[in-house]
Protein backbone atom coordinates (compact mmCIF):
# COMPACT_ATOMS: atom_id res chain seq x y z
CA MET A 1 -16.42 -34.00 -3.59
CA LEU A 2 -13.70 -32.73 -1.12
CA ALA A 3 -12.60 -29.27 -0.73
CA ARG A 4 -9.30 -27.81 -1.36
CA PHE A 5 -7.46 -25.15 0.78
CA LEU A 6 -4.83 -22.64 0.49
CA ALA A 7 -3.29 -20.81 3.73
CA VAL A 8 -1.55 -17.35 4.34
CA SER A 9 1.97 -17.49 5.33
CA SER A 10 3.08 -16.52 8.86
CA LEU A 11 5.93 -13.89 9.31
CA ILE A 12 8.41 -16.49 9.39
CA ALA A 13 7.33 -19.60 7.60
CA LEU A 14 4.35 -21.56 6.34
CA ASN A 15 3.29 -24.39 8.66
CA PRO A 16 4.18 -27.61 6.66
CA ALA A 17 2.02 -29.60 9.09
CA PHE A 18 -1.11 -27.95 7.94
CA ILE A 19 -0.39 -28.13 4.16
CA SER A 20 0.04 -32.03 4.29
CA CYS A 21 -3.38 -32.34 6.00
CA ALA A 22 -5.20 -29.62 4.14
CA VAL A 23 -4.44 -30.50 0.60
CA ALA A 24 -7.32 -32.43 -0.92
CA GLN A 25 -9.37 -33.14 -4.14
CA ALA A 26 -11.24 -30.22 -5.46
CA ALA A 27 -14.61 -30.10 -7.51
CA PRO A 28 -14.18 -30.33 -11.40
CA PRO A 29 -14.59 -27.13 -13.44
CA PRO A 30 -18.34 -26.47 -14.93
CA LYS A 31 -18.65 -28.50 -18.02
CA ASP A 32 -19.83 -25.44 -20.12
CA LEU A 33 -16.39 -23.61 -19.59
CA THR A 34 -14.84 -22.89 -22.87
CA THR A 35 -11.72 -21.20 -24.18
CA SER A 36 -11.48 -17.65 -23.96
CA GLY A 37 -8.72 -15.21 -25.31
CA ILE A 38 -8.75 -12.67 -22.65
CA ALA A 39 -5.49 -11.07 -21.70
CA GLN A 40 -4.51 -12.04 -18.25
CA HIS A 41 -2.51 -11.92 -15.32
CA GLY A 42 -1.83 -13.96 -11.97
CA ILE A 43 -2.27 -17.69 -11.15
CA VAL A 44 -6.00 -18.98 -10.81
CA ASP A 45 -7.67 -22.39 -10.64
CA ALA A 46 -10.24 -22.60 -13.01
CA SER A 47 -12.11 -25.19 -11.21
CA GLY A 48 -13.18 -22.65 -8.63
CA ILE A 49 -14.82 -19.96 -10.75
CA TRP A 50 -18.02 -18.81 -9.30
CA PRO A 51 -21.23 -19.22 -11.52
CA THR A 52 -22.50 -15.84 -10.07
CA THR A 53 -20.99 -12.50 -9.42
CA THR A 54 -23.09 -12.11 -6.22
CA ILE A 55 -21.66 -14.07 -3.36
CA ASP A 56 -23.31 -14.32 0.07
CA VAL A 57 -21.06 -14.09 3.10
CA CYS A 58 -21.83 -15.21 6.63
CA TRP A 59 -20.16 -15.89 10.05
CA ARG A 60 -19.89 -18.94 11.97
CA SER A 61 -18.89 -19.74 15.82
CA LYS A 62 -16.92 -17.37 17.47
CA ALA A 63 -17.50 -14.39 15.25
CA THR A 64 -20.07 -12.86 17.79
CA LEU A 65 -17.27 -12.25 19.99
CA TYR A 66 -15.03 -10.07 17.59
CA VAL A 67 -17.43 -7.17 16.86
CA ALA A 68 -14.30 -4.61 15.75
CA GLU A 69 -12.39 -7.55 13.99
CA LYS A 70 -15.30 -8.36 12.00
CA GLN A 71 -15.78 -4.95 10.85
CA LEU A 72 -12.15 -4.57 9.85
CA THR A 73 -12.48 -7.69 7.78
CA LYS A 74 -15.60 -6.81 5.95
CA ASP A 75 -14.29 -3.22 5.36
CA ALA A 76 -10.98 -4.57 4.04
CA VAL A 77 -12.64 -7.21 1.83
CA THR A 78 -15.24 -4.71 0.53
CA SER A 79 -12.78 -2.06 -0.29
CA ASN A 80 -10.37 -3.98 -2.13
CA LEU A 81 -12.31 -6.63 -3.84
CA HIS A 82 -15.37 -4.56 -4.72
CA ASP A 83 -15.24 -0.75 -4.12
CA ASN A 84 -11.76 -0.09 -5.64
CA ILE A 85 -12.61 -2.33 -8.76
CA ALA A 86 -14.04 -0.66 -11.91
CA GLY A 87 -16.69 -2.34 -14.06
CA ASN A 88 -17.78 -5.65 -13.48
CA ARG A 89 -17.04 -7.13 -10.12
CA TYR A 90 -18.07 -9.61 -7.37
CA SER A 91 -20.53 -8.55 -4.84
CA PHE A 92 -20.13 -9.82 -1.05
CA GLY A 93 -23.44 -8.16 0.26
CA ASP A 94 -23.96 -5.26 2.58
CA VAL A 95 -24.63 -7.49 5.55
CA TRP A 96 -22.79 -10.45 6.69
CA PRO A 97 -25.06 -12.13 9.15
CA PRO A 98 -24.64 -15.30 11.29
CA CYS A 99 -24.52 -18.44 9.32
CA ASP A 100 -27.60 -20.59 9.23
CA ASN A 101 -27.51 -24.46 8.94
CA VAL A 102 -28.29 -24.49 5.19
CA LYS A 103 -25.71 -25.89 3.10
CA LYS A 104 -25.49 -23.91 -0.08
CA ALA A 105 -22.95 -21.84 -2.10
CA ARG A 106 -21.62 -18.98 -0.04
CA ILE A 107 -18.62 -17.82 1.86
CA GLU A 108 -18.54 -18.96 5.36
CA ILE A 109 -16.06 -17.38 7.81
CA ILE A 110 -14.97 -19.40 10.79
CA ILE A 111 -12.80 -17.82 13.55
CA SER A 112 -10.20 -20.00 14.78
CA ASP A 113 -6.96 -19.54 16.98
CA ALA A 114 -4.81 -21.12 14.23
CA GLN A 115 -3.37 -20.56 10.71
CA ALA A 116 -5.56 -18.85 8.45
CA TYR A 117 -6.70 -20.68 5.43
CA SER A 118 -9.58 -20.98 2.69
CA ASN A 119 -11.19 -23.38 0.14
CA ILE A 120 -10.09 -22.04 -3.19
CA GLY A 121 -13.13 -20.80 -5.21
CA TYR A 122 -16.51 -22.08 -5.59
CA GLN A 123 -17.29 -25.45 -3.83
CA THR A 124 -19.64 -28.43 -5.12
CA SER A 125 -20.82 -31.62 -3.85
CA GLY A 126 -22.17 -34.44 -6.09
CA THR A 127 -21.62 -35.21 -9.71
CA GLY A 128 -23.62 -34.74 -13.13
CA TYR A 129 -27.36 -33.40 -12.47
CA ASN A 130 -26.68 -34.11 -8.75
CA ARG A 131 -23.91 -31.39 -8.44
CA VAL A 132 -24.73 -28.67 -6.21
CA GLY A 133 -23.01 -25.66 -4.50
CA VAL A 134 -21.94 -25.89 -0.99
CA PRO A 135 -19.99 -23.42 1.25
CA THR A 136 -16.54 -22.13 0.61
CA LYS A 137 -14.85 -21.95 4.03
CA VAL A 138 -12.51 -19.20 5.08
CA PHE A 139 -10.68 -19.55 8.43
CA LEU A 140 -9.29 -16.54 9.96
CA ASP A 141 -7.40 -15.67 13.28
CA PHE A 142 -7.96 -12.54 15.18
CA THR A 143 -5.91 -13.29 18.33
CA PHE A 144 -2.60 -14.49 16.78
CA VAL A 145 -1.65 -16.51 20.18
CA LYS A 146 -1.01 -20.00 18.71
CA TRP A 147 -0.26 -18.56 14.99
CA ASN A 148 1.65 -15.58 13.81
CA ALA A 149 2.63 -14.21 17.24
CA ASN A 150 4.16 -11.28 15.60
CA CYS A 151 0.95 -9.88 14.58
CA ALA A 152 -0.46 -9.80 18.17
CA LYS A 153 0.68 -6.19 18.75
CA PRO A 154 1.12 -3.23 18.49
CA THR A 155 -2.56 -2.59 17.81
CA TYR A 156 -1.83 -0.76 14.28
CA TYR A 157 0.22 -3.95 13.36
CA ARG A 158 -2.51 -6.21 14.48
CA THR A 159 -5.01 -4.33 12.60
CA THR A 160 -3.21 -4.56 9.29
CA CYS A 161 -2.56 -8.12 9.73
CA ILE A 162 -6.33 -8.79 10.28
CA GLN A 163 -6.91 -6.69 7.09
CA ASN A 164 -4.27 -8.14 4.87
CA ILE A 165 -4.97 -11.82 6.05
CA ALA A 166 -8.66 -11.34 5.19
CA VAL A 167 -7.98 -9.85 1.70
CA HIS A 168 -5.51 -12.64 0.98
CA GLU A 169 -7.95 -15.35 1.99
CA PHE A 170 -10.82 -14.00 0.10
CA MET A 171 -8.70 -14.00 -2.93
CA HIS A 172 -8.29 -17.62 -2.56
CA SER A 173 -12.12 -18.06 -1.85
CA ILE A 174 -12.74 -16.41 -5.33
CA GLY A 175 -10.20 -18.53 -7.14
CA PHE A 176 -6.65 -17.20 -6.70
CA LEU A 177 -3.83 -19.57 -6.26
CA HIS A 178 -0.54 -18.49 -4.74
CA GLU A 179 1.79 -16.37 -6.91
CA GLN A 180 4.79 -17.90 -5.75
CA LEU A 181 3.61 -21.16 -7.64
CA ASN A 182 4.65 -19.15 -10.78
CA PRO A 183 7.59 -21.29 -12.62
CA ASP A 184 9.24 -17.88 -13.04
CA LEU A 185 10.05 -17.53 -9.23
CA PRO A 186 13.48 -19.29 -9.11
CA LYS A 187 15.02 -16.79 -11.66
CA LYS A 188 12.98 -13.71 -10.73
CA ASP A 189 13.47 -14.03 -7.07
CA PRO A 190 15.93 -16.81 -6.38
CA TYR A 191 16.36 -15.63 -2.64
CA CYS A 192 12.70 -15.92 -1.80
CA TYR A 193 12.64 -19.35 -3.79
CA SER A 194 15.36 -20.52 -1.50
CA ILE A 195 13.28 -19.69 1.62
CA TYR A 196 10.01 -21.11 0.36
CA LYS A 197 10.87 -23.86 -2.20
CA GLY A 198 9.90 -26.69 0.52
CA GLU A 199 6.71 -25.11 1.00
CA ILE A 200 5.86 -24.61 -2.60
CA ALA A 201 6.47 -28.25 -3.27
CA ASN A 202 3.70 -29.01 -0.63
CA ASP A 203 1.35 -26.18 -1.62
CA PHE A 204 -1.87 -26.71 -3.42
CA HIS A 205 -1.32 -26.23 -7.05
CA GLY A 206 -4.93 -26.33 -8.16
CA VAL A 207 -7.01 -28.83 -9.88
CA ASP A 208 -7.21 -26.86 -13.24
CA PRO A 209 -4.52 -24.05 -12.44
CA ILE A 210 -3.95 -21.37 -15.23
CA ILE A 211 -0.63 -19.44 -15.22
CA ILE A 212 -1.67 -16.34 -16.89
CA THR A 213 1.24 -13.91 -16.53
CA SER A 214 4.89 -13.50 -15.75
CA TYR A 215 5.82 -13.52 -12.01
CA ASP A 216 4.25 -10.84 -10.11
CA PRO A 217 6.26 -9.88 -6.74
CA ASP A 218 3.65 -7.34 -5.64
CA SER A 219 0.65 -9.71 -5.39
CA GLN A 220 -1.21 -9.88 -2.34
CA VAL A 221 -1.22 -13.61 -2.52
CA ASN A 222 2.43 -13.82 -3.05
CA TYR A 223 4.30 -15.19 0.22
CA CYS A 224 7.44 -13.24 -1.15
CA ASN A 225 5.55 -9.89 -0.82
CA ASN A 226 5.64 -8.85 2.88
CA ILE A 227 2.01 -7.62 3.10
CA TYR A 228 1.95 -7.05 6.84
CA GLY A 229 2.52 -3.72 8.43
CA ARG A 230 0.50 -1.65 5.79
CA PRO A 231 -3.06 -1.46 4.55
CA PRO A 232 -3.91 -4.00 1.93
CA LYS A 233 -3.57 -3.26 -1.69
CA LEU A 234 -4.14 -5.27 -4.78
CA SER A 235 -1.32 -4.99 -7.35
CA LEU A 236 -2.03 -4.02 -10.81
CA LYS A 237 -1.70 -7.54 -12.07
CA ASP A 238 -4.00 -8.76 -9.14
CA ILE A 239 -6.77 -6.40 -10.32
CA THR A 240 -6.31 -7.58 -13.76
CA THR A 241 -6.56 -11.05 -12.54
CA TYR A 242 -9.75 -10.52 -10.49
CA LYS A 243 -11.23 -8.97 -13.64
CA VAL A 244 -10.49 -12.11 -15.70
CA LEU A 245 -12.25 -14.25 -12.93
CA VAL A 246 -15.18 -11.90 -13.25
CA ALA A 247 -15.36 -12.21 -17.03
CA ALA A 248 -15.02 -16.00 -16.64
CA THR A 249 -18.19 -15.91 -14.29
CA LEU A 250 -20.14 -13.66 -16.69
CA THR A 251 -19.49 -15.55 -19.85
CA ARG A 252 -18.95 -19.10 -18.55
CA THR A 253 -15.51 -19.13 -20.47
CA ARG A 254 -12.30 -20.64 -19.11
CA PRO A 255 -9.58 -18.22 -19.14
CA THR A 256 -6.71 -18.80 -21.78
CA PRO A 257 -3.28 -19.51 -20.27
CA TRP A 258 -0.54 -16.91 -20.78
CA GLY A 259 1.54 -17.56 -23.71
CA GLY A 260 4.93 -16.47 -22.63
CA PRO A 261 7.70 -15.45 -23.12
């Protein structure tokens, strides 16, 4: 089954050429997901819900060259997507080693001098009884030479870019879709909609998308929220969405779509 991807925006605009080649069919949701009555926020793809809260992470290719950047990435992800979350949560492990050649369900980070992007949630290959988990891939850029050059300097700004992009992409890797896909965007933020409406049309909208709150302008996965230049921080709705995903993992239930108004 082919993977599906989402990217983080540059400071100016999304690269439409990437979207046209990266959007692909995703794996179907687990067959035992049923409807849940949990109160929710955010936009998620139910087809990418992980079957476990313990998710291994490893590094591929050029990662051995970027010791400081690797630590910035790990610290930002661990802090925002584990340490600062109360109650049940996803665990990404204390050690992120180099990847071996085994194809299994985990998050694999690839360093590339290109636009950052990620698979959406849990990935599988095969069908029926032959369906198995395969790596969820996260592509990160630490140089900002060919993409998002505004992040290259000064040092503090480059640091916050690395941290924020890492958290953004890892949110995709556990099932978050872009918040600007919320249909409330045109009326809630018409200016932002006027800038991104073309990219929204070409964005990956999920295989089993669930819109579960009104528009969240402060989401870490919202292009309309300038996440650069400050430490990463999940919005209150991001945190609630995260908890819904964890609950869906633990209970094997499909989150209920938001009911309005």
